[in-house]
Amino acid sequence: MKKLITILLIVPGLALAMIVATSCTKEGPAGPAGEDGIDGTDGTATCGQCHNSGEDFLAKVVQWEASTHANGGNFERNGNSCAPCHTSMGFREVIETGADTTATTIANPTPINCYTCHKVHETYTADDWMLRYTDPVTFMEGGATADRANGNLCTKCHQSRPVQPYPAMGPGTVEFPVGSSYRWGPHHGPQGNLLYGIGGGAYEIAGSMGYENTAHSGIEDGCVSCHMADAYGAQAGGHTFKMGYEYHGHTELNLAGCLASGCHSNETNLIAATEDLALEIEDYLLQLETLLKDQGVMREDGYLTVPGTYTNAQTGAFYNYKFIEEDRSKAVHNPKYARALLVNSIEAIQ
């Protein structure tokens, strides 16, 4: 399937590039004159702005092919509520309509690709590479707004999904009756909420640590600045969107964006700090997981035990566990905020 998708996306582009390269090297007849009497322009005059003889476009395609968007985005999830982020057509539809779901199930879905993020073949000029969406994002959970320019396109999907019931602050309980979903939680992509420290995407339970954000929350282009920094082949960066790759049994980080941003200057120190943070967060997650399982809130497979009735603190602590786990950055996106969520959650249910 992966090879088929790649062929379907690449072959038409390469074929058109060959046609353009051929037609643009030979003078053809001008288009018919308009009402002003001036001859029209060659139909291929604008195509070469994108389909030129360079390999930059091919490099991006190769990077995309190695991305999770291309081969791990579960684009068969094409139902009304899943399609907006799992399929290209669904994303484009909700960008136009402003709705949270598509009108119907998406037929013949495709994964997130060039057409998803860029206005490909809409003007037939270099403007086709413009991003489809750069407006501020209003988060589905909590209603707060974030604005990080080009990063808004990523945040549109990479955010917590609304949950019902949502635990209130303070004393009280939350009931999950028979038929409740064991998959209750922020879903699989709350990166935007953590990166920007948006309350409502997490359960900000009171505790010994105050809630504050790190400098990452203020990066102008948000996600794009680090995840799409200088590519290392098709391993990391660029249109792979990856921050690291496996090399001889260990993970190599692509820190091009981190070092170029002016935030970090010493690569060795940055790697050490990242590794230390990962160990710290893994320890907090393990402590919280153990408490939740011992108290019967979490199943052995990590999902919510349903049916069940839990305190607001237990429910919120479970939500925070899933929030940090599903972010998958080991809190690199926002260390201070993540640390406070986990420490305060542990304290609340001990």
C-alpha atoms as a PDB file:
ATOM      1  CA  MET A   1       0.000   0.000   0.000  1.00  0.00           C
ATOM      2  CA  LYS A   2       2.811   2.393   0.893  1.00  0.00           C
ATOM      3  CA  LYS A   3       4.485   1.857  -2.472  1.00  0.00           C
ATOM      4  CA  LEU A   4       1.175   2.263  -4.289  1.00  0.00           C
ATOM      5  CA  ILE A   5       0.424   5.553  -2.543  1.00  0.00           C
ATOM      6  CA  THR A   6       3.897   6.849  -3.336  1.00  0.00           C
ATOM      7  CA  ILE A   7       3.553   5.894  -6.989  1.00  0.00           C
ATOM      8  CA  LEU A   8       0.128   7.539  -7.242  1.00  0.00           C
ATOM      9  CA  LEU A   9       1.471  10.766  -5.778  1.00  0.00           C
ATOM     10  CA  ILE A  10       4.865  10.927  -7.449  1.00  0.00           C
ATOM     11  CA  VAL A  11       4.291   9.584 -10.963  1.00  0.00           C
ATOM     12  CA  PRO A  12       1.805  12.263 -12.084  1.00  0.00           C
ATOM     13  CA  GLY A  13       4.117  14.962 -10.760  1.00  0.00           C
ATOM     14  CA  LEU A  14       7.160  13.518 -12.507  1.00  0.00           C
ATOM     15  CA  ALA A  15       5.213  13.023 -15.715  1.00  0.00           C
ATOM     16  CA  LEU A  16       4.042  16.608 -15.640  1.00  0.00           C
ATOM     17  CA  ALA A  17       7.550  17.785 -14.862  1.00  0.00           C
ATOM     18  CA  MET A  18       8.847  15.920 -17.941  1.00  0.00           C
ATOM     19  CA  ILE A  19       6.110  17.439 -20.104  1.00  0.00           C
ATOM     20  CA  VAL A  20       6.864  20.898 -18.787  1.00  0.00           C
ATOM     21  CA  ALA A  21      10.600  20.456 -19.229  1.00  0.00           C
ATOM     22  CA  THR A  22      10.009  19.406 -22.830  1.00  0.00           C
ATOM     23  CA  SER A  23       7.416  22.033 -23.732  1.00  0.00           C
ATOM     24  CA  CYS A  24       9.283  24.857 -22.047  1.00  0.00           C
ATOM     25  CA  THR A  25      12.387  24.245 -24.113  1.00  0.00           C
ATOM     26  CA  LYS A  26      10.531  24.669 -27.397  1.00  0.00           C
ATOM     27  CA  GLU A  27       8.716  27.777 -28.512  1.00  0.00           C
ATOM     28  CA  GLY A  28       5.058  26.919 -29.013  1.00  0.00           C
ATOM     29  CA  PRO A  29       2.178  28.928 -30.415  1.00  0.00           C
ATOM     30  CA  ALA A  30       0.786  31.664 -28.213  1.00  0.00           C
ATOM     31  CA  GLY A  31      -2.726  31.389 -26.916  1.00  0.00           C
ATOM     32  CA  PRO A  32      -5.584  33.072 -28.752  1.00  0.00           C
ATOM     33  CA  ALA A  33      -5.801  36.829 -28.460  1.00  0.00           C
ATOM     34  CA  GLY A  34      -8.204  38.294 -25.980  1.00  0.00           C
ATOM     35  CA  GLU A  35     -10.636  41.171 -26.450  1.00  0.00           C
ATOM     36  CA  ASP A  36      -7.714  43.582 -26.054  1.00  0.00           C
ATOM     37  CA  GLY A  37      -6.048  42.042 -29.082  1.00  0.00           C
ATOM     38  CA  ILE A  38      -3.040  40.794 -27.091  1.00  0.00           C
ATOM     39  CA  ASP A  39      -1.997  37.197 -27.620  1.00  0.00           C
ATOM     40  CA  GLY A  40      -2.437  34.834 -24.666  1.00  0.00           C
ATOM     41  CA  THR A  41       0.520  33.268 -22.886  1.00  0.00           C
ATOM     42  CA  ASP A  42       1.859  29.774 -23.234  1.00  0.00           C
ATOM     43  CA  GLY A  43      -0.251  27.382 -21.141  1.00  0.00           C
ATOM     44  CA  THR A  44       2.876  25.971 -19.496  1.00  0.00           C
ATOM     45  CA  ALA A  45       4.382  29.329 -18.583  1.00  0.00           C
ATOM     46  CA  THR A  46       3.501  29.065 -14.896  1.00  0.00           C
ATOM     47  CA  CYS A  47       4.001  25.316 -14.417  1.00  0.00           C
ATOM     48  CA  GLY A  48       7.759  25.606 -14.338  1.00  0.00           C
ATOM     49  CA  GLN A  49       7.606  27.694 -11.170  1.00  0.00           C
ATOM     50  CA  CYS A  50       7.076  24.438  -9.293  1.00  0.00           C
ATOM     51  CA  HIS A  51       7.833  21.690 -11.797  1.00  0.00           C
ATOM     52  CA  ASN A  52      11.384  22.692 -12.676  1.00  0.00           C
ATOM     53  CA  SER A  53      14.444  20.581 -13.350  1.00  0.00           C
ATOM     54  CA  GLY A  54      15.699  20.762  -9.757  1.00  0.00           C
ATOM     55  CA  GLU A  55      15.427  17.974  -7.192  1.00  0.00           C
ATOM     56  CA  ASP A  56      14.213  20.014  -4.232  1.00  0.00           C
ATOM     57  CA  PHE A  57      10.622  18.885  -4.777  1.00  0.00           C
ATOM     58  CA  LEU A  58      11.698  15.242  -5.016  1.00  0.00           C
ATOM     59  CA  ALA A  59      13.663  15.580  -1.759  1.00  0.00           C
ATOM     60  CA  LYS A  60      10.512  16.721   0.020  1.00  0.00           C
ATOM     61  CA  VAL A  61       8.514  13.825  -1.438  1.00  0.00           C
ATOM     62  CA  VAL A  62      11.145  11.332  -0.257  1.00  0.00           C
ATOM     63  CA  GLN A  63      11.086  12.878   3.221  1.00  0.00           C
ATOM     64  CA  TRP A  64       7.289  12.765   3.326  1.00  0.00           C
ATOM     65  CA  GLU A  65       7.368   9.119   2.290  1.00  0.00           C
ATOM     66  CA  ALA A  66       9.338   8.348   5.473  1.00  0.00           C
ATOM     67  CA  SER A  67       6.938  10.293   7.685  1.00  0.00           C
ATOM     68  CA  THR A  68       4.228   8.995   9.983  1.00  0.00           C
ATOM     69  CA  HIS A  69       1.789  11.110   7.990  1.00  0.00           C
ATOM     70  CA  ALA A  70       2.512   8.939   4.967  1.00  0.00           C
ATOM     71  CA  ASN A  71       2.569   5.488   6.493  1.00  0.00           C
ATOM     72  CA  GLY A  72       1.292   5.571  10.054  1.00  0.00           C
ATOM     73  CA  GLY A  73      -1.582   8.028  10.128  1.00  0.00           C
ATOM     74  CA  ASN A  74      -4.390   5.433  10.023  1.00  0.00           C
ATOM     75  CA  PHE A  75      -6.072   7.141   7.082  1.00  0.00           C
ATOM     76  CA  GLU A  76      -8.631   4.335   6.933  1.00  0.00           C
ATOM     77  CA  ARG A  77     -10.236   6.118   9.915  1.00  0.00           C
ATOM     78  CA  ASN A  78     -12.528   7.957   7.517  1.00  0.00           C
ATOM     79  CA  GLY A  79     -15.698   8.350   9.571  1.00  0.00           C
ATOM     80  CA  ASN A  80     -17.211  11.762  10.268  1.00  0.00           C
ATOM     81  CA  SER A  81     -15.354  12.481  13.505  1.00  0.00           C
ATOM     82  CA  CYS A  82     -12.012  10.867  12.596  1.00  0.00           C
ATOM     83  CA  ALA A  83     -11.669  11.977   8.967  1.00  0.00           C
ATOM     84  CA  PRO A  84     -10.803  15.645   9.694  1.00  0.00           C
ATOM     85  CA  CYS A  85      -7.365  14.655  10.965  1.00  0.00           C
ATOM     86  CA  HIS A  86      -6.814  11.159   9.625  1.00  0.00           C
ATOM     87  CA  THR A  87      -7.584  11.891   5.963  1.00  0.00           C
ATOM     88  CA  SER A  88      -6.453  14.578   3.575  1.00  0.00           C
ATOM     89  CA  MET A  89      -9.915  15.221   2.154  1.00  0.00           C
ATOM     90  CA  GLY A  90     -11.453  15.411   5.608  1.00  0.00           C
ATOM     91  CA  PHE A  91      -8.934  17.991   6.774  1.00  0.00           C
ATOM     92  CA  ARG A  92      -9.489  20.151   3.715  1.00  0.00           C
ATOM     93  CA  GLU A  93     -13.253  19.939   4.167  1.00  0.00           C
ATOM     94  CA  VAL A  94     -13.324  21.137   7.770  1.00  0.00           C
ATOM     95  CA  ILE A  95     -10.853  23.918   6.990  1.00  0.00           C
ATOM     96  CA  GLU A  96     -13.432  25.210   4.513  1.00  0.00           C
ATOM     97  CA  THR A  97     -16.550  24.590   6.606  1.00  0.00           C
ATOM     98  CA  GLY A  98     -15.236  25.397  10.064  1.00  0.00           C
ATOM     99  CA  ALA A  99     -17.002  22.294  11.401  1.00  0.00           C
ATOM    100  CA  ASP A 100     -15.448  19.729  13.743  1.00  0.00           C
ATOM    101  CA  THR A 101     -16.617  16.769  11.649  1.00  0.00           C
ATOM    102  CA  THR A 102     -17.086  15.992   7.972  1.00  0.00           C
ATOM    103  CA  ALA A 103     -20.559  15.912   6.473  1.00  0.00           C
ATOM    104  CA  THR A 104     -20.261  12.244   5.540  1.00  0.00           C
ATOM    105  CA  THR A 105     -17.770   9.395   5.598  1.00  0.00           C
ATOM    106  CA  ILE A 106     -14.847  10.154   3.277  1.00  0.00           C
ATOM    107  CA  ALA A 107     -14.799   7.829   0.267  1.00  0.00           C
ATOM    108  CA  ASN A 108     -11.427   6.650  -1.083  1.00  0.00           C
ATOM    109  CA  PRO A 109      -9.451   8.446   1.645  1.00  0.00           C
ATOM    110  CA  THR A 110      -5.804   9.404   1.270  1.00  0.00           C
ATOM    111  CA  PRO A 111      -3.230  10.072   3.990  1.00  0.00           C
ATOM    112  CA  ILE A 112      -2.006  13.528   4.928  1.00  0.00           C
ATOM    113  CA  ASN A 113      -0.002  14.649   1.871  1.00  0.00           C
ATOM    114  CA  CYS A 114       1.077  17.685  -0.164  1.00  0.00           C
ATOM    115  CA  TYR A 115      -2.495  18.636  -1.043  1.00  0.00           C
ATOM    116  CA  THR A 116      -3.502  18.562   2.630  1.00  0.00           C
ATOM    117  CA  CYS A 117      -1.199  21.326   3.792  1.00  0.00           C
ATOM    118  CA  HIS A 118      -0.532  23.255   0.573  1.00  0.00           C
ATOM    119  CA  LYS A 119      -2.791  24.836  -2.057  1.00  0.00           C
ATOM    120  CA  VAL A 120      -1.453  22.568  -4.788  1.00  0.00           C
ATOM    121  CA  HIS A 121      -2.799  23.204  -8.308  1.00  0.00           C
ATOM    122  CA  GLU A 122      -5.131  26.002  -7.261  1.00  0.00           C
ATOM    123  CA  THR A 123      -3.317  28.965  -8.831  1.00  0.00           C
ATOM    124  CA  TYR A 124      -0.700  27.118 -10.899  1.00  0.00           C
ATOM    125  CA  THR A 125       1.930  29.520  -9.607  1.00  0.00           C
ATOM    126  CA  ALA A 126       4.426  29.392  -6.766  1.00  0.00           C
ATOM    127  CA  ASP A 127       1.518  30.412  -4.513  1.00  0.00           C
ATOM    128  CA  ASP A 128       0.435  26.769  -4.697  1.00  0.00           C
ATOM    129  CA  TRP A 129       2.989  26.095  -1.949  1.00  0.00           C
ATOM    130  CA  MET A 130       1.214  28.448   0.466  1.00  0.00           C
ATOM    131  CA  LEU A 131      -0.199  26.781   3.582  1.00  0.00           C
ATOM    132  CA  ARG A 132      -3.918  26.126   3.662  1.00  0.00           C
ATOM    133  CA  TYR A 133      -4.323  27.216   7.245  1.00  0.00           C
ATOM    134  CA  THR A 134      -2.441  29.710   9.415  1.00  0.00           C
ATOM    135  CA  ASP A 135      -5.288  31.212  11.450  1.00  0.00           C
ATOM    136  CA  PRO A 136      -5.211  31.124  15.271  1.00  0.00           C
ATOM    137  CA  VAL A 137      -6.464  27.819  16.668  1.00  0.00           C
ATOM    138  CA  THR A 138      -9.279  27.615  19.211  1.00  0.00           C
ATOM    139  CA  PHE A 139      -8.755  24.460  21.225  1.00  0.00           C
ATOM    140  CA  MET A 140     -11.595  21.951  21.284  1.00  0.00           C
ATOM    141  CA  GLU A 141     -11.047  21.257  24.981  1.00  0.00           C
ATOM    142  CA  GLY A 142     -11.284  24.392  27.097  1.00  0.00           C
ATOM    143  CA  GLY A 143     -11.815  26.913  24.275  1.00  0.00           C
ATOM    144  CA  ALA A 144      -8.497  28.768  24.686  1.00  0.00           C
ATOM    145  CA  THR A 145      -6.780  30.175  21.583  1.00  0.00           C
ATOM    146  CA  ALA A 146      -3.174  29.804  20.416  1.00  0.00           C
ATOM    147  CA  ASP A 147      -1.470  31.595  17.547  1.00  0.00           C
ATOM    148  CA  ARG A 148       1.920  30.395  16.317  1.00  0.00           C
ATOM    149  CA  ALA A 149       1.837  31.375  12.619  1.00  0.00           C
ATOM    150  CA  ASN A 150       2.826  28.400  10.441  1.00  0.00           C
ATOM    151  CA  GLY A 151       2.610  26.090  13.446  1.00  0.00           C
ATOM    152  CA  ASN A 152      -1.153  26.672  13.575  1.00  0.00           C
ATOM    153  CA  LEU A 153      -1.578  24.190  10.731  1.00  0.00           C
ATOM    154  CA  CYS A 154      -0.084  21.434  12.907  1.00  0.00           C
ATOM    155  CA  THR A 155      -1.980  22.480  16.024  1.00  0.00           C
ATOM    156  CA  LYS A 156      -5.296  22.273  14.168  1.00  0.00           C
ATOM    157  CA  CYS A 157      -5.104  18.484  14.565  1.00  0.00           C
ATOM    158  CA  HIS A 158      -2.481  17.960  17.251  1.00  0.00           C
ATOM    159  CA  GLN A 159      -4.671  18.866  20.211  1.00  0.00           C
ATOM    160  CA  SER A 160      -6.749  17.213  22.924  1.00  0.00           C
ATOM    161  CA  ARG A 161     -10.241  16.015  22.036  1.00  0.00           C
ATOM    162  CA  PRO A 162     -13.176  16.990  24.283  1.00  0.00           C
ATOM    163  CA  VAL A 163     -14.158  14.387  26.862  1.00  0.00           C
ATOM    164  CA  GLN A 164     -17.369  13.771  28.744  1.00  0.00           C
ATOM    165  CA  PRO A 165     -17.594  13.698  31.651  1.00  0.00           C
ATOM    166  CA  TYR A 166     -14.774  16.107  32.547  1.00  0.00           C
ATOM    167  CA  PRO A 167     -13.866  16.136  36.262  1.00  0.00           C
ATOM    168  CA  ALA A 168     -14.648  19.269  38.261  1.00  0.00           C
ATOM    169  CA  MET A 169     -12.027  20.805  40.531  1.00  0.00           C
ATOM    170  CA  GLY A 170     -12.240  19.980  44.216  1.00  0.00           C
ATOM    171  CA  PRO A 171     -14.228  17.309  46.085  1.00  0.00           C
ATOM    172  CA  GLY A 172     -16.684  15.125  44.233  1.00  0.00           C
ATOM    173  CA  THR A 173     -16.842  12.049  42.078  1.00  0.00           C
ATOM    174  CA  VAL A 174     -17.152  11.153  38.408  1.00  0.00           C
ATOM    175  CA  GLU A 175     -19.270   8.206  37.332  1.00  0.00           C
ATOM    176  CA  PHE A 176     -18.557   6.096  34.259  1.00  0.00           C
ATOM    177  CA  PRO A 177     -21.640   3.901  33.831  1.00  0.00           C
ATOM    178  CA  VAL A 178     -21.992   0.691  31.850  1.00  0.00           C
ATOM    179  CA  GLY A 179     -21.322   1.443  28.203  1.00  0.00           C
ATOM    180  CA  SER A 180     -18.720   4.133  28.905  1.00  0.00           C
ATOM    181  CA  SER A 181     -15.661   4.075  26.655  1.00  0.00           C
ATOM    182  CA  TYR A 182     -12.512   2.640  28.176  1.00  0.00           C
ATOM    183  CA  ARG A 183     -10.643   4.935  25.768  1.00  0.00           C
ATOM    184  CA  TRP A 184     -11.689   8.037  27.747  1.00  0.00           C
ATOM    185  CA  GLY A 185      -8.943  10.670  27.671  1.00  0.00           C
ATOM    186  CA  PRO A 186      -7.359  13.361  25.476  1.00  0.00           C
ATOM    187  CA  HIS A 187      -6.907  11.001  22.506  1.00  0.00           C
ATOM    188  CA  HIS A 188      -3.576  10.495  20.749  1.00  0.00           C
ATOM    189  CA  GLY A 189      -2.299  13.948  19.837  1.00  0.00           C
ATOM    190  CA  PRO A 190      -2.398  16.591  22.611  1.00  0.00           C
ATOM    191  CA  GLN A 191       0.954  18.096  21.609  1.00  0.00           C
ATOM    192  CA  GLY A 192      -0.456  21.568  20.936  1.00  0.00           C
ATOM    193  CA  ASN A 193      -2.058  21.824  24.361  1.00  0.00           C
ATOM    194  CA  LEU A 194       1.144  20.806  26.130  1.00  0.00           C
ATOM    195  CA  LEU A 195       3.416  22.969  23.986  1.00  0.00           C
ATOM    196  CA  TYR A 196       1.400  26.099  24.706  1.00  0.00           C
ATOM    197  CA  GLY A 197       0.415  25.147  28.260  1.00  0.00           C
ATOM    198  CA  ILE A 198      -3.267  25.649  27.572  1.00  0.00           C
ATOM    199  CA  GLY A 199      -5.414  24.819  30.592  1.00  0.00           C
ATOM    200  CA  GLY A 200      -8.419  22.702  29.619  1.00  0.00           C
ATOM    201  CA  GLY A 201      -6.191  20.381  27.638  1.00  0.00           C
ATOM    202  CA  ALA A 202      -4.980  19.120  31.000  1.00  0.00           C
ATOM    203  CA  TYR A 203      -6.383  18.905  34.545  1.00  0.00           C
ATOM    204  CA  GLU A 204      -4.552  21.622  36.476  1.00  0.00           C
ATOM    205  CA  ILE A 205      -5.032  20.178  39.939  1.00  0.00           C
ATOM    206  CA  ALA A 206      -3.562  22.240  42.787  1.00  0.00           C
ATOM    207  CA  GLY A 207      -0.387  20.988  44.438  1.00  0.00           C
ATOM    208  CA  SER A 208       3.119  21.835  45.519  1.00  0.00           C
ATOM    209  CA  MET A 209       4.132  22.982  42.037  1.00  0.00           C
ATOM    210  CA  GLY A 210       2.761  26.033  40.228  1.00  0.00           C
ATOM    211  CA  TYR A 211       1.886  25.922  36.534  1.00  0.00           C
ATOM    212  CA  GLU A 212       4.239  27.798  34.229  1.00  0.00           C
ATOM    213  CA  ASN A 213       5.513  27.427  30.696  1.00  0.00           C
ATOM    214  CA  THR A 214       8.987  27.126  29.222  1.00  0.00           C
ATOM    215  CA  ALA A 215      10.399  29.203  26.370  1.00  0.00           C
ATOM    216  CA  HIS A 216       9.189  26.587  23.879  1.00  0.00           C
ATOM    217  CA  SER A 217       5.653  27.940  24.314  1.00  0.00           C
ATOM    218  CA  GLY A 218       6.657  31.260  22.770  1.00  0.00           C
ATOM    219  CA  ILE A 219       8.468  30.032  19.641  1.00  0.00           C
ATOM    220  CA  GLU A 220       7.038  32.054  16.753  1.00  0.00           C
ATOM    221  CA  ASP A 221       6.284  29.202  14.351  1.00  0.00           C
ATOM    222  CA  GLY A 222       5.664  26.627  17.055  1.00  0.00           C
ATOM    223  CA  CYS A 223       5.980  23.037  15.868  1.00  0.00           C
ATOM    224  CA  VAL A 224       7.492  23.929  12.489  1.00  0.00           C
ATOM    225  CA  SER A 225      10.610  25.575  13.953  1.00  0.00           C
ATOM    226  CA  CYS A 226      11.996  22.313  15.333  1.00  0.00           C
ATOM    227  CA  HIS A 227      10.179  19.487  13.561  1.00  0.00           C
ATOM    228  CA  MET A 228      10.824  20.854  10.056  1.00  0.00           C
ATOM    229  CA  ALA A 229      14.358  22.141  10.581  1.00  0.00           C
ATOM    230  CA  ASP A 230      17.160  21.161   8.183  1.00  0.00           C
ATOM    231  CA  ALA A 231      16.483  17.623   7.018  1.00  0.00           C
ATOM    232  CA  TYR A 232      18.911  14.790   7.627  1.00  0.00           C
ATOM    233  CA  GLY A 233      18.176  12.833   4.458  1.00  0.00           C
ATOM    234  CA  ALA A 234      14.851  11.097   4.957  1.00  0.00           C
ATOM    235  CA  GLN A 235      15.642  10.286   8.587  1.00  0.00           C
ATOM    236  CA  ALA A 236      14.650  13.439  10.453  1.00  0.00           C
ATOM    237  CA  GLY A 237      13.665  17.065   9.940  1.00  0.00           C
ATOM    238  CA  GLY A 238      12.156  18.560   6.801  1.00  0.00           C
ATOM    239  CA  HIS A 239       8.996  16.830   5.639  1.00  0.00           C
ATOM    240  CA  THR A 240       9.672  13.755   7.794  1.00  0.00           C
ATOM    241  CA  PHE A 241       8.587  15.962  10.748  1.00  0.00           C
ATOM    242  CA  LYS A 242      10.721  13.715  12.953  1.00  0.00           C
ATOM    243  CA  MET A 243      13.059  14.897  15.691  1.00  0.00           C
ATOM    244  CA  GLY A 244      15.206  11.791  15.745  1.00  0.00           C
ATOM    245  CA  TYR A 245      16.102   8.512  14.085  1.00  0.00           C
ATOM    246  CA  GLU A 246      17.469   5.145  15.111  1.00  0.00           C
ATOM    247  CA  TYR A 247      21.169   4.566  14.506  1.00  0.00           C
ATOM    248  CA  HIS A 248      23.055   1.451  15.672  1.00  0.00           C
ATOM    249  CA  GLY A 249      20.596   0.750  18.453  1.00  0.00           C
ATOM    250  CA  HIS A 250      20.212   4.266  19.850  1.00  0.00           C
ATOM    251  CA  THR A 251      18.280   7.397  18.969  1.00  0.00           C
ATOM    252  CA  GLU A 252      20.079  10.246  17.237  1.00  0.00           C
ATOM    253  CA  LEU A 253      18.395  13.619  17.711  1.00  0.00           C
ATOM    254  CA  ASN A 254      18.123  16.149  14.910  1.00  0.00           C
ATOM    255  CA  LEU A 255      18.800  19.364  16.817  1.00  0.00           C
ATOM    256  CA  ALA A 256      19.172  21.685  13.828  1.00  0.00           C
ATOM    257  CA  GLY A 257      16.128  23.724  14.815  1.00  0.00           C
ATOM    258  CA  CYS A 258      17.026  23.830  18.518  1.00  0.00           C
ATOM    259  CA  LEU A 259      20.541  25.100  17.881  1.00  0.00           C
ATOM    260  CA  ALA A 260      19.603  27.497  15.084  1.00  0.00           C
ATOM    261  CA  SER A 261      16.816  29.149  17.038  1.00  0.00           C
ATOM    262  CA  GLY A 262      19.206  30.838  19.438  1.00  0.00           C
ATOM    263  CA  CYS A 263      17.660  29.017  22.381  1.00  0.00           C
ATOM    264  CA  HIS A 264      20.416  26.432  22.766  1.00  0.00           C
ATOM    265  CA  SER A 265      24.089  26.774  21.937  1.00  0.00           C
ATOM    266  CA  ASN A 266      25.763  23.643  23.315  1.00  0.00           C
ATOM    267  CA  GLU A 267      24.701  20.407  21.623  1.00  0.00           C
ATOM    268  CA  THR A 268      26.292  18.151  24.241  1.00  0.00           C
ATOM    269  CA  ASN A 269      24.554  19.906  27.113  1.00  0.00           C
ATOM    270  CA  LEU A 270      21.245  19.892  25.252  1.00  0.00           C
ATOM    271  CA  ILE A 271      21.381  16.139  24.624  1.00  0.00           C
ATOM    272  CA  ALA A 272      22.271  15.480  28.265  1.00  0.00           C
ATOM    273  CA  ALA A 273      19.426  17.686  29.489  1.00  0.00           C
ATOM    274  CA  THR A 274      16.963  15.944  27.151  1.00  0.00           C
ATOM    275  CA  GLU A 275      18.015  12.508  28.389  1.00  0.00           C
ATOM    276  CA  ASP A 276      17.793  13.576  32.043  1.00  0.00           C
ATOM    277  CA  LEU A 277      14.324  15.010  31.470  1.00  0.00           C
ATOM    278  CA  ALA A 278      13.141  11.797  29.807  1.00  0.00           C
ATOM    279  CA  LEU A 279      14.287   9.729  32.806  1.00  0.00           C
ATOM    280  CA  GLU A 280      12.611  12.124  35.234  1.00  0.00           C
ATOM    281  CA  ILE A 281       9.296  12.099  33.365  1.00  0.00           C
ATOM    282  CA  GLU A 282       9.355   8.319  32.939  1.00  0.00           C
ATOM    283  CA  ASP A 283       9.780   7.986  36.709  1.00  0.00           C
ATOM    284  CA  TYR A 284       6.822  10.304  37.410  1.00  0.00           C
ATOM    285  CA  LEU A 285       4.685   8.417  34.889  1.00  0.00           C
ATOM    286  CA  LEU A 286       5.575   5.107  36.510  1.00  0.00           C
ATOM    287  CA  GLN A 287       4.698   6.426  39.973  1.00  0.00           C
ATOM    288  CA  LEU A 288       1.360   7.735  38.745  1.00  0.00           C
ATOM    289  CA  GLU A 289       0.603   4.579  36.769  1.00  0.00           C
ATOM    290  CA  THR A 290       1.275   2.412  39.824  1.00  0.00           C
ATOM    291  CA  LEU A 291      -1.060   4.490  41.991  1.00  0.00           C
ATOM    292  CA  LEU A 292      -3.843   4.462  39.404  1.00  0.00           C
ATOM    293  CA  LYS A 293      -3.616   0.699  38.922  1.00  0.00           C
ATOM    294  CA  ASP A 294      -3.437  -0.012  42.664  1.00  0.00           C
ATOM    295  CA  GLN A 295      -6.584   2.092  43.129  1.00  0.00           C
ATOM    296  CA  GLY A 296      -8.400   0.302  40.309  1.00  0.00           C
ATOM    297  CA  VAL A 297      -8.685   3.374  38.085  1.00  0.00           C
ATOM    298  CA  MET A 298      -6.384   2.103  35.339  1.00  0.00           C
ATOM    299  CA  ARG A 299      -6.526  -1.297  33.677  1.00  0.00           C
ATOM    300  CA  GLU A 300      -3.387  -3.339  33.098  1.00  0.00           C
ATOM    301  CA  ASP A 301      -3.366  -2.282  29.441  1.00  0.00           C
ATOM    302  CA  GLY A 302      -3.297   1.407  30.421  1.00  0.00           C
ATOM    303  CA  TYR A 303      -6.921   2.242  29.648  1.00  0.00           C
ATOM    304  CA  LEU A 304      -9.628   3.460  32.039  1.00  0.00           C
ATOM    305  CA  THR A 305     -11.425   0.830  34.110  1.00  0.00           C
ATOM    306  CA  VAL A 306     -15.115   1.035  33.203  1.00  0.00           C
ATOM    307  CA  PRO A 307     -17.711   1.005  34.572  1.00  0.00           C
ATOM    308  CA  GLY A 308     -16.549   2.786  37.707  1.00  0.00           C
ATOM    309  CA  THR A 309     -16.916   5.778  39.985  1.00  0.00           C
ATOM    310  CA  TYR A 310     -13.791   7.773  40.880  1.00  0.00           C
ATOM    311  CA  THR A 311     -12.956  10.953  42.712  1.00  0.00           C
ATOM    312  CA  ASN A 312     -12.338  14.088  40.693  1.00  0.00           C
ATOM    313  CA  ALA A 313      -8.683  13.848  41.685  1.00  0.00           C
ATOM    314  CA  GLN A 314      -8.360  10.245  40.488  1.00  0.00           C
ATOM    315  CA  THR A 315     -10.118  11.027  37.202  1.00  0.00           C
ATOM    316  CA  GLY A 316      -8.017  14.143  36.633  1.00  0.00           C
ATOM    317  CA  ALA A 317      -4.814  12.279  37.502  1.00  0.00           C
ATOM    318  CA  PHE A 318      -5.687   9.571  34.960  1.00  0.00           C
ATOM    319  CA  TYR A 319      -6.347  12.248  32.336  1.00  0.00           C
ATOM    320  CA  ASN A 320      -2.978  13.891  33.046  1.00  0.00           C
ATOM    321  CA  TYR A 321      -1.203  10.553  32.778  1.00  0.00           C
ATOM    322  CA  LYS A 322      -2.689   9.955  29.318  1.00  0.00           C
ATOM    323  CA  PHE A 323      -2.057  13.595  28.373  1.00  0.00           C
ATOM    324  CA  ILE A 324       1.703  13.345  28.977  1.00  0.00           C
ATOM    325  CA  GLU A 325       2.011   9.786  27.673  1.00  0.00           C
ATOM    326  CA  GLU A 326       0.174  10.549  24.430  1.00  0.00           C
ATOM    327  CA  ASP A 327       2.216  13.724  23.847  1.00  0.00           C
ATOM    328  CA  ARG A 328       5.189  11.360  23.257  1.00  0.00           C
ATOM    329  CA  SER A 329       7.876  14.021  23.686  1.00  0.00           C
ATOM    330  CA  LYS A 330       8.764  12.940  27.258  1.00  0.00           C
ATOM    331  CA  ALA A 331       7.783  16.511  28.218  1.00  0.00           C
ATOM    332  CA  VAL A 332      10.327  18.185  25.907  1.00  0.00           C
ATOM    333  CA  HIS A 333       7.493  20.282  24.472  1.00  0.00           C
ATOM    334  CA  ASN A 334       6.944  21.996  27.830  1.00  0.00           C
ATOM    335  CA  PRO A 335       8.979  20.543  30.733  1.00  0.00           C
ATOM    336  CA  LYS A 336       7.820  22.870  33.510  1.00  0.00           C
ATOM    337  CA  TYR A 337       4.140  22.473  32.731  1.00  0.00           C
ATOM    338  CA  ALA A 338       4.372  18.687  32.329  1.00  0.00           C
ATOM    339  CA  ARG A 339       6.350  18.287  35.542  1.00  0.00           C
ATOM    340  CA  ALA A 340       3.745  20.242  37.514  1.00  0.00           C
ATOM    341  CA  LEU A 341       0.876  18.169  36.082  1.00  0.00           C
ATOM    342  CA  LEU A 342       2.506  14.873  37.060  1.00  0.00           C
ATOM    343  CA  VAL A 343       3.838  15.878  40.488  1.00  0.00           C
ATOM    344  CA  ASN A 344       0.553  17.471  41.551  1.00  0.00           C
ATOM    345  CA  SER A 345      -1.417  14.463  40.259  1.00  0.00           C
ATOM    346  CA  ILE A 346       0.741  12.056  42.259  1.00  0.00           C
ATOM    347  CA  GLU A 347       0.327  14.148  45.416  1.00  0.00           C
ATOM    348  CA  ALA A 348      -3.439  14.381  44.940  1.00  0.00           C
ATOM    349  CA  ILE A 349      -4.104  10.628  44.943  1.00  0.00           C
ATOM    350  CA  GLN A 350      -1.395   9.320  47.286  1.00  0.00           C
END
